[in-house]
Structures are given as C-alpha cells and as structure tokens.
Amino acid sequence: MITKFSSRLAKYALVPTAVAALATPVALTMVAGGASAAASCGRTAADSDSSSWPRQTSGVSANQRSGSSTSCGITGYADNRNTLDYHCYTVASDGSTWTYLRNDTDGTAGWVKDSLLPNNGSNVYCGF
C-alpha cells in the first residue's frame, strides 16, 4: 500500500511538494520558538538588511542595548536626528521583536525594540 502511494507521488511529481509540506511546520516552529531566538547580552549581528532609515521617529529617543532585552546594558541611543542602518531582527523571550542596528550618526551599534523604530525595524530575520 505504501509502495503504491509512493509510486503515485513520484508519478505525479508530488514528492518534492509532500516533503516541503512536511518540512514547513518544523521551520515555523524554529522561528516562533521565542526564547531560543533572543539575542543574549553581548551578541551582535551581521548586516543582512540593506535598508537605512534617516530618522528614528517613534518617540524622542530609544536605548540601543547589547542584547534583545531591557536587562542588557545600554550601548548608545537612537533619536529623531539619527540615520540608522538596520542589520536584522530577532525575537525576544516575551515575543517582542528587536532590530540590531548601527547608528550612522555616532557610530554606535545595538539592539532596539522594533516598536520604537521607523517601519517597525528590520524585516530580515537574523537566523537565531
């Protein structure tokens, strides 16, 4: 019975589709995992996002931190006069997203909660 089912999948070129359908939930689970995706204090990220934003517009200023948590140390500040170069985002243990960025105005880098950034931060996932 299984052999016939496999033969039909192969005959109609459905094997790649079936494999992809089975793999998709695994990939989604890994990204949505939350705690394992957070950037620990001291973690940096490569520049995977080509977007740059001329102004930090959501509020007066935001703390740049050494990780994706308010318990991580402050590495700098991003305010409405700065040019920000987004690198990528990750998901904190509480489910919020944070973008790693470089402040091109003063050269500092760090993680900023996406709700404080223009366009809600980067749209490129860091992969951790």
Protein backbone atom coordinates (compact mmCIF):
# COMPACT_ATOMS: atom_id res chain seq x y z
CA MET A 1 0.00 0.00 0.00
CA ILE A 2 2.76 2.45 0.95
CA THR A 3 4.69 1.46 -2.18
CA LYS A 4 1.70 2.32 -4.36
CA PHE A 5 1.28 5.65 -2.57
CA SER A 6 4.98 6.43 -3.08
CA SER A 7 4.75 5.45 -6.73
CA ARG A 8 1.79 7.75 -7.28
CA LEU A 9 3.63 10.63 -5.60
CA ALA A 10 6.64 10.04 -7.83
CA LYS A 11 4.49 9.60 -10.93
CA TYR A 12 2.77 12.93 -10.45
CA ALA A 13 5.98 14.66 -9.28
CA LEU A 14 4.46 15.27 -5.87
CA VAL A 15 7.39 14.02 -3.79
CA PRO A 16 9.06 17.46 -3.54
CA THR A 17 5.70 19.04 -2.66
CA ALA A 18 4.99 16.44 0.02
CA VAL A 19 8.47 16.84 1.53
CA ALA A 20 8.13 20.63 1.54
CA ALA A 21 4.71 20.42 3.19
CA LEU A 22 6.12 18.21 5.94
CA ALA A 23 9.15 20.45 6.49
CA THR A 24 7.24 23.73 6.71
CA PRO A 25 5.83 23.26 10.23
CA VAL A 26 9.34 22.48 11.52
CA ALA A 27 10.74 25.72 10.09
CA LEU A 28 7.89 27.77 11.51
CA THR A 29 8.33 26.19 14.93
CA MET A 30 12.01 27.10 14.98
CA VAL A 31 11.37 30.78 14.17
CA ALA A 32 8.42 31.09 16.51
CA GLY A 33 10.31 29.40 19.34
CA GLY A 34 10.80 32.68 21.21
CA ALA A 35 13.35 32.15 23.97
CA SER A 36 15.92 30.41 21.77
CA ALA A 37 15.74 33.25 19.24
CA ALA A 38 16.59 36.06 21.69
CA ALA A 39 19.94 37.79 21.36
CA SER A 40 21.81 37.33 24.61
CA CYS A 41 23.60 40.35 26.12
CA GLY A 42 26.77 40.99 24.14
CA ARG A 43 25.54 39.37 20.91
CA THR A 44 25.98 41.28 17.66
CA ALA A 45 24.60 40.53 14.20
CA ALA A 46 25.84 40.81 10.63
CA ASP A 47 24.37 43.44 8.31
CA SER A 48 21.87 41.34 6.35
CA ASP A 49 19.36 44.15 5.70
CA SER A 50 20.10 46.77 3.05
CA SER A 51 17.62 49.34 4.39
CA SER A 52 18.66 52.53 6.16
CA TRP A 53 16.31 54.96 7.86
CA PRO A 54 17.11 58.67 8.08
CA ARG A 55 15.26 59.31 11.32
CA GLN A 56 14.15 57.45 14.41
CA THR A 57 10.58 58.78 14.56
CA SER A 58 8.68 56.85 17.24
CA GLY A 59 9.39 58.97 20.31
CA VAL A 60 12.28 61.22 21.26
CA SER A 61 14.97 58.57 21.76
CA ALA A 62 15.44 54.86 22.25
CA ASN A 63 18.14 52.93 24.08
CA GLN A 64 20.41 50.73 21.99
CA ARG A 65 21.21 47.65 24.06
CA SER A 66 23.80 44.87 23.99
CA GLY A 67 21.04 42.23 23.58
CA SER A 68 17.33 41.93 22.90
CA SER A 69 16.22 42.64 26.45
CA THR A 70 15.84 45.68 28.66
CA SER A 71 18.06 43.86 31.18
CA CYS A 72 21.03 44.15 28.79
CA GLY A 73 23.36 47.13 29.06
CA ILE A 74 22.91 50.33 27.04
CA THR A 75 25.39 50.74 24.17
CA GLY A 76 24.06 54.04 22.82
CA TYR A 77 20.96 56.00 21.89
CA ALA A 78 18.95 56.45 18.72
CA ASP A 79 16.92 59.62 18.39
CA ASN A 80 14.96 61.52 15.76
CA ARG A 81 18.11 63.19 14.35
CA ASN A 82 19.99 59.95 13.61
CA THR A 83 20.50 57.84 10.50
CA LEU A 84 20.00 54.19 11.42
CA ASP A 85 21.36 51.22 9.45
CA TYR A 86 19.24 48.12 10.18
CA HIS A 87 21.10 44.79 10.18
CA CYS A 88 18.41 42.20 11.10
CA TYR A 89 15.83 41.35 13.76
CA THR A 90 15.29 38.62 16.33
CA VAL A 91 12.50 37.59 18.67
CA ALA A 92 12.86 38.11 22.43
CA SER A 93 11.61 35.62 25.01
CA ASP A 94 8.46 37.74 25.55
CA GLY A 95 7.60 37.56 21.84
CA SER A 96 8.61 41.14 21.00
CA THR A 97 10.95 41.77 18.08
CA TRP A 98 14.22 43.69 18.27
CA THR A 99 16.45 45.03 15.48
CA TYR A 100 20.23 45.12 15.59
CA LEU A 101 21.34 48.40 14.05
CA ARG A 102 24.21 50.80 13.66
CA ASN A 103 23.63 54.45 14.39
CA ASP A 104 25.49 56.03 11.45
CA THR A 105 25.38 59.44 13.13
CA ASP A 106 27.61 58.49 16.07
CA GLY A 107 28.92 55.02 15.09
CA THR A 108 27.34 53.09 17.98
CA ALA A 109 25.52 49.79 17.50
CA GLY A 110 22.99 47.79 19.47
CA TRP A 111 19.56 46.21 19.73
CA VAL A 112 16.43 48.39 19.75
CA LYS A 113 12.87 47.19 20.31
CA ASP A 114 11.06 47.34 16.96
CA SER A 115 8.03 49.21 18.32
CA LEU A 116 10.35 52.21 18.79
CA LEU A 117 11.73 52.20 15.23
CA PRO A 118 10.55 53.54 11.87
CA ASN A 119 8.84 50.86 9.80
CA ASN A 120 8.94 48.62 12.93
CA GLY A 121 12.63 47.83 12.43
CA SER A 122 14.27 45.39 10.07
CA ASN A 123 12.30 42.88 8.01
CA VAL A 124 15.25 40.46 7.71
CA TYR A 125 15.43 37.69 10.33
CA CYS A 126 18.89 37.26 11.95
CA GLY A 127 18.55 33.47 11.99
CA PHE A 128 18.94 32.94 15.74
